[in-house]
Amino acid sequence: MNSLTLTTRDNPAGPVITLSGEMDLTSRASLEAATRVTPPAGAPLCLDMSGVTFMDSSGLNFLLTLRRRLTAHGSRLVLTGIRDAPMRVLALTGADAVLLAADDRTHVPTPGDTPTS
């Protein structure tokens, strides 16, 4: 079993959480704890998924629930760096049409980035 590692960093454009490993039922509690932060209204919460090697329905359910919670608070969820296996789950379920997904890691805000209006 491959555990999930989470690294959080603050960013002027909004918090960025980098995930590495497997998004499944065993990692759900740590995902929920790491994403309890609610960005200011209008600012995104970015999940850099470039290190996620596996995602099951628990991981998908987590992403959809997180998106719903952030939207209710005036924020949004941005997914970046999605690899083949998690992308297949999103595509097979149609969730790729609902979740914001950047096409590569270059869209992950870095500490030097400034928000654009």
PDB file of N, CA and C in Angstrom:
ATOM      1  N   MET A   1       0.836  -1.174   0.000  1.00  0.00           N
ATOM      2  CA  MET A   1       0.000   0.000   0.000  1.00  0.00           C
ATOM      3  C   MET A   1       0.886   1.244   0.000  1.00  0.00           C
ATOM      4  N   ASN A   2       0.577   2.150  -0.892  1.00  0.00           N
ATOM      5  CA  ASN A   2       1.312   3.397  -1.025  1.00  0.00           C
ATOM      6  C   ASN A   2       0.507   4.493  -0.328  1.00  0.00           C
ATOM      7  N   SER A   3       1.050   5.097   0.690  1.00  0.00           N
ATOM      8  CA  SER A   3       0.333   6.155   1.414  1.00  0.00           C
ATOM      9  C   SER A   3       0.361   7.456   0.621  1.00  0.00           C
ATOM     10  N   LEU A   4      -0.385   8.410   1.093  1.00  0.00           N
ATOM     11  CA  LEU A   4      -0.447   9.713   0.450  1.00  0.00           C
ATOM     12  C   LEU A   4       0.338  10.716   1.285  1.00  0.00           C
ATOM     13  N   THR A   5       1.198  11.481   0.621  1.00  0.00           N
ATOM     14  CA  THR A   5       1.959  12.536   1.260  1.00  0.00           C
ATOM     15  C   THR A   5       1.396  13.869   0.785  1.00  0.00           C
ATOM     16  N   LEU A   6       1.209  14.784   1.740  1.00  0.00           N
ATOM     17  CA  LEU A   6       0.656  16.098   1.422  1.00  0.00           C
ATOM     18  C   LEU A   6       1.625  17.175   1.879  1.00  0.00           C
ATOM     19  N   THR A   7       1.847  18.153   1.031  1.00  0.00           N
ATOM     20  CA  THR A   7       2.676  19.301   1.368  1.00  0.00           C
ATOM     21  C   THR A   7       1.866  20.552   1.061  1.00  0.00           C
ATOM     22  N   THR A   8       1.741  21.425   2.036  1.00  0.00           N
ATOM     23  CA  THR A   8       0.946  22.644   1.870  1.00  0.00           C
ATOM     24  C   THR A   8       1.860  23.851   1.874  1.00  0.00           C
ATOM     25  N   ARG A   9       1.577  24.781   0.976  1.00  0.00           N
ATOM     26  CA  ARG A   9       2.312  26.043   0.979  1.00  0.00           C
ATOM     27  C   ARG A   9       1.339  27.178   0.689  1.00  0.00           C
ATOM     28  N   ASP A  10       1.584  28.297   1.327  1.00  0.00           N
ATOM     29  CA  ASP A  10       0.779  29.487   1.078  1.00  0.00           C
ATOM     30  C   ASP A  10       1.276  30.157  -0.183  1.00  0.00           C
ATOM     31  N   ASN A  11       0.376  30.835  -0.844  1.00  0.00           N
ATOM     32  CA  ASN A  11       0.673  31.478  -2.092  1.00  0.00           C
ATOM     33  C   ASN A  11      -0.201  32.721  -2.187  1.00  0.00           C
ATOM     34  N   PRO A  12       0.285  33.800  -2.763  1.00  0.00           N
ATOM     35  CA  PRO A  12      -0.557  34.994  -2.902  1.00  0.00           C
ATOM     36  C   PRO A  12      -1.863  34.719  -3.658  1.00  0.00           C
ATOM     37  N   ALA A  13      -1.843  33.761  -4.590  1.00  0.00           N
ATOM     38  CA  ALA A  13      -3.035  33.441  -5.372  1.00  0.00           C
ATOM     39  C   ALA A  13      -3.963  32.479  -4.625  1.00  0.00           C
ATOM     40  N   GLY A  14      -3.518  31.920  -3.514  1.00  0.00           N
ATOM     41  CA  GLY A  14      -4.303  30.947  -2.751  1.00  0.00           C
ATOM     42  C   GLY A  14      -3.431  29.767  -2.370  1.00  0.00           C
ATOM     43  N   PRO A  15      -3.866  28.985  -1.389  1.00  0.00           N
ATOM     44  CA  PRO A  15      -3.047  27.858  -0.925  1.00  0.00           C
ATOM     45  C   PRO A  15      -2.865  26.785  -1.996  1.00  0.00           C
ATOM     46  N   VAL A  16      -1.700  26.140  -1.973  1.00  0.00           N
ATOM     47  CA  VAL A  16      -1.388  25.034  -2.884  1.00  0.00           C
ATOM     48  C   VAL A  16      -1.054  23.818  -2.033  1.00  0.00           C
ATOM     49  N   ILE A  17      -1.736  22.710  -2.307  1.00  0.00           N
ATOM     50  CA  ILE A  17      -1.454  21.452  -1.618  1.00  0.00           C
ATOM     51  C   ILE A  17      -0.946  20.476  -2.665  1.00  0.00           C
ATOM     52  N   THR A  18       0.278  19.982  -2.462  1.00  0.00           N
ATOM     53  CA  THR A  18       0.876  19.020  -3.377  1.00  0.00           C
ATOM     54  C   THR A  18       0.649  17.624  -2.815  1.00  0.00           C
ATOM     55  N   LEU A  19       0.079  16.751  -3.642  1.00  0.00           N
ATOM     56  CA  LEU A  19      -0.236  15.389  -3.242  1.00  0.00           C
ATOM     57  C   LEU A  19       0.708  14.424  -3.937  1.00  0.00           C
ATOM     58  N   SER A  20       1.099  13.379  -3.212  1.00  0.00           N
ATOM     59  CA  SER A  20       1.953  12.352  -3.792  1.00  0.00           C
ATOM     60  C   SER A  20       1.571  11.000  -3.201  1.00  0.00           C
ATOM     61  N   GLY A  21       1.240  10.058  -4.072  1.00  0.00           N
ATOM     62  CA  GLY A  21       0.854   8.723  -3.620  1.00  0.00           C
ATOM     63  C   GLY A  21      -0.533   8.371  -4.117  1.00  0.00           C
ATOM     64  N   GLU A  22      -1.314   7.675  -3.260  1.00  0.00           N
ATOM     65  CA  GLU A  22      -2.618   7.164  -3.646  1.00  0.00           C
ATOM     66  C   GLU A  22      -3.752   7.880  -2.923  1.00  0.00           C
ATOM     67  N   MET A  23      -4.755   8.297  -3.697  1.00  0.00           N
ATOM     68  CA  MET A  23      -5.959   8.907  -3.132  1.00  0.00           C
ATOM     69  C   MET A  23      -7.022   7.810  -3.043  1.00  0.00           C
ATOM     70  N   ASP A  24      -7.203   7.299  -1.832  1.00  0.00           N
ATOM     71  CA  ASP A  24      -8.177   6.234  -1.633  1.00  0.00           C
ATOM     72  C   ASP A  24      -8.792   6.367  -0.247  1.00  0.00           C
ATOM     73  N   LEU A  25      -9.539   5.364   0.160  1.00  0.00           N
ATOM     74  CA  LEU A  25     -10.233   5.425   1.447  1.00  0.00           C
ATOM     75  C   LEU A  25      -9.266   5.627   2.612  1.00  0.00           C
ATOM     76  N   THR A  26      -8.083   5.035   2.530  1.00  0.00           N
ATOM     77  CA  THR A  26      -7.134   5.152   3.640  1.00  0.00           C
ATOM     78  C   THR A  26      -6.524   6.548   3.746  1.00  0.00           C
ATOM     79  N   SER A  27      -6.551   7.314   2.683  1.00  0.00           N
ATOM     80  CA  SER A  27      -5.979   8.664   2.724  1.00  0.00           C
ATOM     81  C   SER A  27      -7.040   9.745   2.921  1.00  0.00           C
ATOM     82  N   ARG A  28      -8.284   9.370   2.977  1.00  0.00           N
ATOM     83  CA  ARG A  28      -9.390  10.348   3.062  1.00  0.00           C
ATOM     84  C   ARG A  28      -9.251  11.271   4.281  1.00  0.00           C
ATOM     85  N   ALA A  29      -8.954  10.716   5.455  1.00  0.00           N
ATOM     86  CA  ALA A  29      -8.863  11.540   6.670  1.00  0.00           C
ATOM     87  C   ALA A  29      -7.752  12.587   6.556  1.00  0.00           C
ATOM     88  N   SER A  30      -6.609  12.209   6.025  1.00  0.00           N
ATOM     89  CA  SER A  30      -5.520  13.183   5.899  1.00  0.00           C
ATOM     90  C   SER A  30      -5.846  14.234   4.833  1.00  0.00           C
ATOM     91  N   LEU A  31      -6.553  13.851   3.774  1.00  0.00           N
ATOM     92  CA  LEU A  31      -6.987  14.819   2.764  1.00  0.00           C
ATOM     93  C   LEU A  31      -7.954  15.832   3.368  1.00  0.00           C
ATOM     94  N   GLU A  32      -8.911  15.336   4.144  1.00  0.00           N
ATOM     95  CA  GLU A  32      -9.887  16.233   4.768  1.00  0.00           C
ATOM     96  C   GLU A  32      -9.217  17.194   5.741  1.00  0.00           C
ATOM     97  N   ALA A  33      -8.268  16.688   6.523  1.00  0.00           N
ATOM     98  CA  ALA A  33      -7.563  17.546   7.482  1.00  0.00           C
ATOM     99  C   ALA A  33      -6.759  18.634   6.762  1.00  0.00           C
ATOM    100  N   ALA A  34      -6.090  18.274   5.686  1.00  0.00           N
ATOM    101  CA  ALA A  34      -5.245  19.229   4.964  1.00  0.00           C
ATOM    102  C   ALA A  34      -6.056  20.287   4.235  1.00  0.00           C
ATOM    103  N   THR A  35      -7.291  19.968   3.875  1.00  0.00           N
ATOM    104  CA  THR A  35      -8.093  20.902   3.086  1.00  0.00           C
ATOM    105  C   THR A  35      -9.154  21.616   3.913  1.00  0.00           C
ATOM    106  N   ARG A  36      -9.023  21.601   5.218  1.00  0.00           N
ATOM    107  CA  ARG A  36      -9.974  22.337   6.058  1.00  0.00           C
ATOM    108  C   ARG A  36      -9.847  23.842   5.880  1.00  0.00           C
ATOM    109  N   VAL A  37      -8.712  24.267   5.381  1.00  0.00           N
ATOM    110  CA  VAL A  37      -8.500  25.683   5.125  1.00  0.00           C
ATOM    111  C   VAL A  37      -9.476  26.132   4.036  1.00  0.00           C
ATOM    112  N   THR A  38     -10.088  27.286   4.239  1.00  0.00           N
ATOM    113  CA  THR A  38     -10.951  27.867   3.223  1.00  0.00           C
ATOM    114  C   THR A  38     -10.293  29.149   2.741  1.00  0.00           C
ATOM    115  N   PRO A  39      -9.906  29.167   1.466  1.00  0.00           N
ATOM    116  CA  PRO A  39      -9.275  30.379   0.949  1.00  0.00           C
ATOM    117  C   PRO A  39     -10.240  31.563   0.991  1.00  0.00           C
ATOM    118  N   PRO A  40      -9.715  32.772   0.942  1.00  0.00           N
ATOM    119  CA  PRO A  40     -10.601  33.947   0.873  1.00  0.00           C
ATOM    120  C   PRO A  40     -11.509  33.837  -0.347  1.00  0.00           C
ATOM    121  N   ALA A  41     -12.680  34.426  -0.268  1.00  0.00           N
ATOM    122  CA  ALA A  41     -13.626  34.383  -1.382  1.00  0.00           C
ATOM    123  C   ALA A  41     -12.948  34.784  -2.683  1.00  0.00           C
ATOM    124  N   GLY A  42     -13.152  34.000  -3.695  1.00  0.00           N
ATOM    125  CA  GLY A  42     -12.565  34.269  -4.999  1.00  0.00           C
ATOM    126  C   GLY A  42     -11.205  33.637  -5.215  1.00  0.00           C
ATOM    127  N   ALA A  43     -10.500  33.317  -4.142  1.00  0.00           N
ATOM    128  CA  ALA A  43      -9.177  32.698  -4.277  1.00  0.00           C
ATOM    129  C   ALA A  43      -9.355  31.183  -4.407  1.00  0.00           C
ATOM    130  N   PRO A  44      -8.546  30.550  -5.243  1.00  0.00           N
ATOM    131  CA  PRO A  44      -8.666  29.105  -5.397  1.00  0.00           C
ATOM    132  C   PRO A  44      -7.865  28.333  -4.355  1.00  0.00           C
ATOM    133  N   LEU A  45      -8.271  27.096  -4.161  1.00  0.00           N
ATOM    134  CA  LEU A  45      -7.449  26.111  -3.456  1.00  0.00           C
ATOM    135  C   LEU A  45      -6.918  25.214  -4.557  1.00  0.00           C
ATOM    136  N   CYS A  46      -5.611  25.182  -4.716  1.00  0.00           N
ATOM    137  CA  CYS A  46      -4.989  24.411  -5.790  1.00  0.00           C
ATOM    138  C   CYS A  46      -4.466  23.090  -5.246  1.00  0.00           C
ATOM    139  N   LEU A  47      -4.896  21.987  -5.871  1.00  0.00           N
ATOM    140  CA  LEU A  47      -4.342  20.680  -5.556  1.00  0.00           C
ATOM    141  C   LEU A  47      -3.435  20.282  -6.704  1.00  0.00           C
ATOM    142  N   ASP A  48      -2.138  20.203  -6.429  1.00  0.00           N
ATOM    143  CA  ASP A  48      -1.162  19.738  -7.411  1.00  0.00           C
ATOM    144  C   ASP A  48      -1.153  18.213  -7.321  1.00  0.00           C
ATOM    145  N   MET A  49      -1.738  17.553  -8.309  1.00  0.00           N
ATOM    146  CA  MET A  49      -1.890  16.099  -8.296  1.00  0.00           C
ATOM    147  C   MET A  49      -0.831  15.391  -9.134  1.00  0.00           C
ATOM    148  N   SER A  50       0.261  16.070  -9.445  1.00  0.00           N
ATOM    149  CA  SER A  50       1.284  15.485 -10.314  1.00  0.00           C
ATOM    150  C   SER A  50       1.948  14.255  -9.702  1.00  0.00           C
ATOM    151  N   GLY A  51       1.848  14.085  -8.386  1.00  0.00           N
ATOM    152  CA  GLY A  51       2.442  12.920  -7.743  1.00  0.00           C
ATOM    153  C   GLY A  51       1.435  11.825  -7.405  1.00  0.00           C
ATOM    154  N   VAL A  52       0.162  12.020  -7.778  1.00  0.00           N
ATOM    155  CA  VAL A  52      -0.873  11.029  -7.476  1.00  0.00           C
ATOM    156  C   VAL A  52      -0.810   9.908  -8.514  1.00  0.00           C
ATOM    157  N   THR A  53      -0.555   8.690  -8.038  1.00  0.00           N
ATOM    158  CA  THR A  53      -0.401   7.542  -8.923  1.00  0.00           C
ATOM    159  C   THR A  53      -1.661   6.693  -9.038  1.00  0.00           C
ATOM    160  N   PHE A  54      -2.600   6.870  -8.109  1.00  0.00           N
ATOM    161  CA  PHE A  54      -3.825   6.070  -8.094  1.00  0.00           C
ATOM    162  C   PHE A  54      -4.925   6.864  -7.421  1.00  0.00           C
ATOM    163  N   MET A  55      -6.143   6.739  -7.949  1.00  0.00           N
ATOM    164  CA  MET A  55      -7.292   7.367  -7.311  1.00  0.00           C
ATOM    165  C   MET A  55      -8.495   6.458  -7.524  1.00  0.00           C
ATOM    166  N   ASP A  56      -9.188   6.130  -6.431  1.00  0.00           N
ATOM    167  CA  ASP A  56     -10.400   5.325  -6.541  1.00  0.00           C
ATOM    168  C   ASP A  56     -11.619   6.207  -6.312  1.00  0.00           C
ATOM    169  N   SER A  57     -12.788   5.578  -6.153  1.00  0.00           N
ATOM    170  CA  SER A  57     -14.025   6.340  -5.984  1.00  0.00           C
ATOM    171  C   SER A  57     -14.016   7.182  -4.708  1.00  0.00           C
ATOM    172  N   SER A  58     -13.276   6.765  -3.694  1.00  0.00           N
ATOM    173  CA  SER A  58     -13.158   7.568  -2.470  1.00  0.00           C
ATOM    174  C   SER A  58     -12.446   8.886  -2.761  1.00  0.00           C
ATOM    175  N   GLY A  59     -11.397   8.826  -3.548  1.00  0.00           N
ATOM    176  CA  GLY A  59     -10.672  10.034  -3.937  1.00  0.00           C
ATOM    177  C   GLY A  59     -11.533  10.944  -4.796  1.00  0.00           C
ATOM    178  N   LEU A  60     -12.277  10.353  -5.721  1.00  0.00           N
ATOM    179  CA  LEU A  60     -13.179  11.130  -6.568  1.00  0.00           C
ATOM    180  C   LEU A  60     -14.267  11.796  -5.728  1.00  0.00           C
ATOM    181  N   ASN A  61     -14.858  11.040  -4.815  1.00  0.00           N
ATOM    182  CA  ASN A  61     -15.894  11.588  -3.944  1.00  0.00           C
ATOM    183  C   ASN A  61     -15.338  12.736  -3.117  1.00  0.00           C
ATOM    184  N   PHE A  62     -14.116  12.585  -2.625  1.00  0.00           N
ATOM    185  CA  PHE A  62     -13.469  13.653  -1.856  1.00  0.00           C
ATOM    186  C   PHE A  62     -13.356  14.925  -2.696  1.00  0.00           C
ATOM    187  N   LEU A  63     -12.876  14.802  -3.942  1.00  0.00           N
ATOM    188  CA  LEU A  63     -12.706  15.978  -4.805  1.00  0.00           C
ATOM    189  C   LEU A  63     -14.034  16.675  -5.070  1.00  0.00           C
ATOM    190  N   LEU A  64     -15.074  15.902  -5.323  1.00  0.00           N
ATOM    191  CA  LEU A  64     -16.390  16.493  -5.598  1.00  0.00           C
ATOM    192  C   LEU A  64     -16.963  17.177  -4.358  1.00  0.00           C
ATOM    193  N   THR A  65     -16.784  16.557  -3.196  1.00  0.00           N
ATOM    194  CA  THR A  65     -17.250  17.140  -1.941  1.00  0.00           C
ATOM    195  C   THR A  65     -16.483  18.422  -1.629  1.00  0.00           C
ATOM    196  N   LEU A  66     -15.171  18.399  -1.825  1.00  0.00           N
ATOM    197  CA  LEU A  66     -14.343  19.580  -1.591  1.00  0.00           C
ATOM    198  C   LEU A  66     -14.752  20.713  -2.529  1.00  0.00           C
ATOM    199  N   ARG A  67     -14.977  20.398  -3.783  1.00  0.00           N
ATOM    200  CA  ARG A  67     -15.399  21.411  -4.746  1.00  0.00           C
ATOM    201  C   ARG A  67     -16.714  22.060  -4.302  1.00  0.00           C
ATOM    202  N   ARG A  68     -17.647  21.240  -3.871  1.00  0.00           N
ATOM    203  CA  ARG A  68     -18.957  21.747  -3.427  1.00  0.00           C
ATOM    204  C   ARG A  68     -18.791  22.670  -2.211  1.00  0.00           C
ATOM    205  N   ARG A  69     -17.950  22.275  -1.247  1.00  0.00           N
ATOM    206  CA  ARG A  69     -17.726  23.085  -0.050  1.00  0.00           C
ATOM    207  C   ARG A  69     -17.068  24.416  -0.395  1.00  0.00           C
ATOM    208  N   LEU A  70     -16.059  24.378  -1.239  1.00  0.00           N
ATOM    209  CA  LEU A  70     -15.368  25.614  -1.617  1.00  0.00           C
ATOM    210  C   LEU A  70     -16.290  26.550  -2.387  1.00  0.00           C
ATOM    211  N   THR A  71     -17.078  26.005  -3.287  1.00  0.00           N
ATOM    212  CA  THR A  71     -18.018  26.816  -4.062  1.00  0.00           C
ATOM    213  C   THR A  71     -19.023  27.501  -3.142  1.00  0.00           C
ATOM    214  N   ALA A  72     -19.488  26.785  -2.122  1.00  0.00           N
ATOM    215  CA  ALA A  72     -20.441  27.362  -1.164  1.00  0.00           C
ATOM    216  C   ALA A  72     -19.834  28.529  -0.392  1.00  0.00           C
ATOM    217  N   HIS A  73     -18.501  28.568  -0.274  1.00  0.00           N
ATOM    218  CA  HIS A  73     -17.815  29.652   0.434  1.00  0.00           C
ATOM    219  C   HIS A  73     -17.245  30.699  -0.524  1.00  0.00           C
ATOM    220  N   GLY A  74     -17.631  30.645  -1.803  1.00  0.00           N
ATOM    221  CA  GLY A  74     -17.168  31.647  -2.764  1.00  0.00           C
ATOM    222  C   GLY A  74     -15.771  31.413  -3.287  1.00  0.00           C
ATOM    223  N   SER A  75     -15.223  30.235  -3.059  1.00  0.00           N
ATOM    224  CA  SER A  75     -13.893  29.888  -3.557  1.00  0.00           C
ATOM    225  C   SER A  75     -14.046  28.832  -4.642  1.00  0.00           C
ATOM    226  N   ARG A  76     -12.922  28.327  -5.117  1.00  0.00           N
ATOM    227  CA  ARG A  76     -12.988  27.265  -6.122  1.00  0.00           C
ATOM    228  C   ARG A  76     -11.822  26.311  -5.968  1.00  0.00           C
ATOM    229  N   LEU A  77     -11.992  25.149  -6.554  1.00  0.00           N
ATOM    230  CA  LEU A  77     -10.969  24.110  -6.532  1.00  0.00           C
ATOM    231  C   LEU A  77     -10.309  24.065  -7.895  1.00  0.00           C
ATOM    232  N   VAL A  78      -8.984  24.079  -7.908  1.00  0.00           N
ATOM    233  CA  VAL A  78      -8.224  23.951  -9.147  1.00  0.00           C
ATOM    234  C   VAL A  78      -7.330  22.728  -9.011  1.00  0.00           C
ATOM    235  N   LEU A  79      -7.441  21.822  -9.969  1.00  0.00           N
ATOM    236  CA  LEU A  79      -6.593  20.631  -9.996  1.00  0.00           C
ATOM    237  C   LEU A  79      -5.541  20.812 -11.076  1.00  0.00           C
ATOM    238  N   THR A  80      -4.307  20.484 -10.761  1.00  0.00           N
ATOM    239  CA  THR A  80      -3.237  20.589 -11.749  1.00  0.00           C
ATOM    240  C   THR A  80      -2.408  19.306 -11.740  1.00  0.00           C
ATOM    241  N   GLY A  81      -1.703  19.081 -12.832  1.00  0.00           N
ATOM    242  CA  GLY A  81      -0.759  17.977 -12.921  1.00  0.00           C
ATOM    243  C   GLY A  81      -1.382  16.604 -12.854  1.00  0.00           C
ATOM    244  N   ILE A  82      -2.616  16.451 -13.279  1.00  0.00           N
ATOM    245  CA  ILE A  82      -3.305  15.163 -13.160  1.00  0.00           C
ATOM    246  C   ILE A  82      -2.679  14.147 -14.114  1.00  0.00           C
ATOM    247  N   ARG A  83      -2.278  13.009 -13.548  1.00  0.00           N
ATOM    248  CA  ARG A  83      -1.644  11.944 -14.324  1.00  0.00           C
ATOM    249  C   ARG A  83      -2.696  11.028 -14.933  1.00  0.00           C
ATOM    250  N   ASP A  84      -2.228  10.047 -15.704  1.00  0.00           N
ATOM    251  CA  ASP A  84      -3.116   9.170 -16.465  1.00  0.00           C
ATOM    252  C   ASP A  84      -4.145   8.418 -15.627  1.00  0.00           C
ATOM    253  N   ALA A  85      -3.718   7.740 -14.567  1.00  0.00           N
ATOM    254  CA  ALA A  85      -4.655   6.915 -13.789  1.00  0.00           C
ATOM    255  C   ALA A  85      -5.773   7.753 -13.153  1.00  0.00           C
ATOM    256  N   PRO A  86      -5.458   8.837 -12.437  1.00  0.00           N
ATOM    257  CA  PRO A  86      -6.549   9.664 -11.907  1.00  0.00           C
ATOM    258  C   PRO A  86      -7.392  10.303 -13.010  1.00  0.00           C
ATOM    259  N   MET A  87      -6.774  10.680 -14.125  1.00  0.00           N
ATOM    260  CA  MET A  87      -7.529  11.295 -15.220  1.00  0.00           C
ATOM    261  C   MET A  87      -8.529  10.309 -15.813  1.00  0.00           C
ATOM    262  N   ARG A  88      -8.171   9.039 -15.860  1.00  0.00           N
ATOM    263  CA  ARG A  88      -9.114   8.026 -16.356  1.00  0.00           C
ATOM    264  C   ARG A  88     -10.351   7.965 -15.475  1.00  0.00           C
ATOM    265  N   VAL A  89     -10.157   8.040 -14.162  1.00  0.00           N
ATOM    266  CA  VAL A  89     -11.295   8.025 -13.237  1.00  0.00           C
ATOM    267  C   VAL A  89     -12.183   9.239 -13.495  1.00  0.00           C
ATOM    268  N   LEU A  90     -11.573  10.404 -13.649  1.00  0.00           N
ATOM    269  CA  LEU A  90     -12.350  11.616 -13.916  1.00  0.00           C
ATOM    270  C   LEU A  90     -13.106  11.506 -15.243  1.00  0.00           C
ATOM    271  N   ALA A  91     -12.437  11.002 -16.270  1.00  0.00           N
ATOM    272  CA  ALA A  91     -13.059  10.901 -17.589  1.00  0.00           C
ATOM    273  C   ALA A  91     -14.174   9.853 -17.619  1.00  0.00           C
ATOM    274  N   LEU A  92     -13.932   8.701 -17.016  1.00  0.00           N
ATOM    275  CA  LEU A  92     -14.936   7.620 -17.023  1.00  0.00           C
ATOM    276  C   LEU A  92     -16.211   8.016 -16.300  1.00  0.00           C
ATOM    277  N   THR A  93     -16.095   8.853 -15.290  1.00  0.00           N
ATOM    278  CA  THR A  93     -17.256   9.241 -14.498  1.00  0.00           C
ATOM    279  C   THR A  93     -17.890  10.540 -14.965  1.00  0.00           C
ATOM    280  N   GLY A  94     -17.231  11.247 -15.877  1.00  0.00           N
ATOM    281  CA  GLY A  94     -17.728  12.539 -16.340  1.00  0.00           C
ATOM    282  C   GLY A  94     -17.356  13.679 -15.409  1.00  0.00           C
ATOM    283  N   ALA A  95     -16.618  13.377 -14.358  1.00  0.00           N
ATOM    284  CA  ALA A  95     -16.223  14.406 -13.396  1.00  0.00           C
ATOM    285  C   ALA A  95     -15.229  15.394 -14.006  1.00  0.00           C
ATOM    286  N   ASP A  96     -14.572  15.004 -15.098  1.00  0.00           N
ATOM    287  CA  ASP A  96     -13.638  15.927 -15.740  1.00  0.00           C
ATOM    288  C   ASP A  96     -14.355  17.163 -16.271  1.00  0.00           C
ATOM    289  N   ALA A  97     -15.652  17.055 -16.565  1.00  0.00           N
ATOM    290  CA  ALA A  97     -16.419  18.202 -17.034  1.00  0.00           C
ATOM    291  C   ALA A  97     -16.815  19.130 -15.891  1.00  0.00           C
ATOM    292  N   VAL A  98     -16.780  18.638 -14.660  1.00  0.00           N
ATOM    293  CA  VAL A  98     -17.213  19.406 -13.493  1.00  0.00           C
ATOM    294  C   VAL A  98     -16.034  20.036 -12.765  1.00  0.00           C
ATOM    295  N   LEU A  99     -14.961  19.286 -12.617  1.00  0.00           N
ATOM    296  CA  LEU A  99     -13.800  19.763 -11.867  1.00  0.00           C
ATOM    297  C   LEU A  99     -12.893  20.595 -12.760  1.00  0.00           C
ATOM    298  N   LEU A 100     -12.363  21.670 -12.231  1.00  0.00           N
ATOM    299  CA  LEU A 100     -11.408  22.475 -12.973  1.00  0.00           C
ATOM    300  C   LEU A 100     -10.104  21.710 -13.039  1.00  0.00           C
ATOM    301  N   ALA A 101      -9.618  21.447 -14.227  1.00  0.00           N
ATOM    302  CA  ALA A 101      -8.373  20.698 -14.371  1.00  0.00           C
ATOM    303  C   ALA A 101      -7.465  21.412 -15.355  1.00  0.00           C
ATOM    304  N   ALA A 102      -6.314  21.841 -14.889  1.00  0.00           N
ATOM    305  CA  ALA A 102      -5.311  22.422 -15.779  1.00  0.00           C
ATOM    306  C   ALA A 102      -4.614  21.270 -16.482  1.00  0.00           C
ATOM    307  N   ASP A 103      -4.065  21.531 -17.644  1.00  0.00           N
ATOM    308  CA  ASP A 103      -3.505  20.441 -18.427  1.00  0.00           C
ATOM    309  C   ASP A 103      -2.104  20.032 -18.012  1.00  0.00           C
ATOM    310  N   ASP A 104      -1.422  20.828 -17.234  1.00  0.00           N
ATOM    311  CA  ASP A 104      -0.104  20.415 -16.763  1.00  0.00           C
ATOM    312  C   ASP A 104       0.304  21.221 -15.540  1.00  0.00           C
ATOM    313  N   ARG A 105       1.397  20.842 -14.962  1.00  0.00           N
ATOM    314  CA  ARG A 105       1.842  21.429 -13.700  1.00  0.00           C
ATOM    315  C   ARG A 105       2.257  22.888 -13.844  1.00  0.00           C
ATOM    316  N   THR A 106       2.477  23.358 -15.039  1.00  0.00           N
ATOM    317  CA  THR A 106       2.916  24.746 -15.204  1.00  0.00           C
ATOM    318  C   THR A 106       1.851  25.723 -14.728  1.00  0.00           C
ATOM    319  N   HIS A 107       0.623  25.254 -14.526  1.00  0.00           N
ATOM    320  CA  HIS A 107      -0.444  26.119 -14.060  1.00  0.00           C
ATOM    321  C   HIS A 107      -0.489  26.238 -12.532  1.00  0.00           C
ATOM    322  N   VAL A 108       0.385  25.522 -11.834  1.00  0.00           N
ATOM    323  CA  VAL A 108       0.406  25.607 -10.381  1.00  0.00           C
ATOM    324  C   VAL A 108       1.010  26.945  -9.986  1.00  0.00           C
ATOM    325  N   PRO A 109       0.265  27.757  -9.219  1.00  0.00           N
ATOM    326  CA  PRO A 109       0.836  29.037  -8.784  1.00  0.00           C
ATOM    327  C   PRO A 109       2.079  28.812  -7.927  1.00  0.00           C
ATOM    328  N   THR A 110       3.063  29.641  -8.102  1.00  0.00           N
ATOM    329  CA  THR A 110       4.275  29.558  -7.299  1.00  0.00           C
ATOM    330  C   THR A 110       4.339  30.778  -6.391  1.00  0.00           C
ATOM    331  N   PRO A 111       5.164  30.717  -5.338  1.00  0.00           N
ATOM    332  CA  PRO A 111       5.206  31.842  -4.400  1.00  0.00           C
ATOM    333  C   PRO A 111       5.481  33.192  -5.041  1.00  0.00           C
ATOM    334  N   GLY A 112       6.138  33.240  -6.186  1.00  0.00           N
ATOM    335  CA  GLY A 112       6.441  34.499  -6.834  1.00  0.00           C
ATOM    336  C   GLY A 112       5.311  35.026  -7.714  1.00  0.00           C
ATOM    337  N   ASP A 113       4.298  34.189  -7.972  1.00  0.00           N
ATOM    338  CA  ASP A 113       3.192  34.605  -8.829  1.00  0.00           C
ATOM    339  C   ASP A 113       2.346  35.669  -8.150  1.00  0.00           C
ATOM    340  N   THR A 114       1.796  36.542  -8.953  1.00  0.00           N
ATOM    341  CA  THR A 114       0.857  37.529  -8.433  1.00  0.00           C
ATOM    342  C   THR A 114      -0.492  37.269  -9.074  1.00  0.00           C
ATOM    343  N   PRO A 115      -1.556  37.442  -8.310  1.00  0.00           N
ATOM    344  CA  PRO A 115      -2.885  37.220  -8.889  1.00  0.00           C
ATOM    345  C   PRO A 115      -3.170  38.224  -9.999  1.00  0.00           C
ATOM    346  N   THR A 116      -3.888  37.779 -11.016  1.00  0.00           N
ATOM    347  CA  THR A 116      -4.284  38.676 -12.085  1.00  0.00           C
ATOM    348  C   THR A 116      -5.755  39.010 -11.942  1.00  0.00           C
ATOM    349  N   SER A 117      -6.138  40.200 -12.382  1.00  0.00           N
ATOM    350  CA  SER A 117      -7.535  40.566 -12.259  1.00  0.00           C
ATOM    351  C   SER A 117      -8.282  40.352 -13.537  1.00  0.00           C
TER     352      SER A 117
END
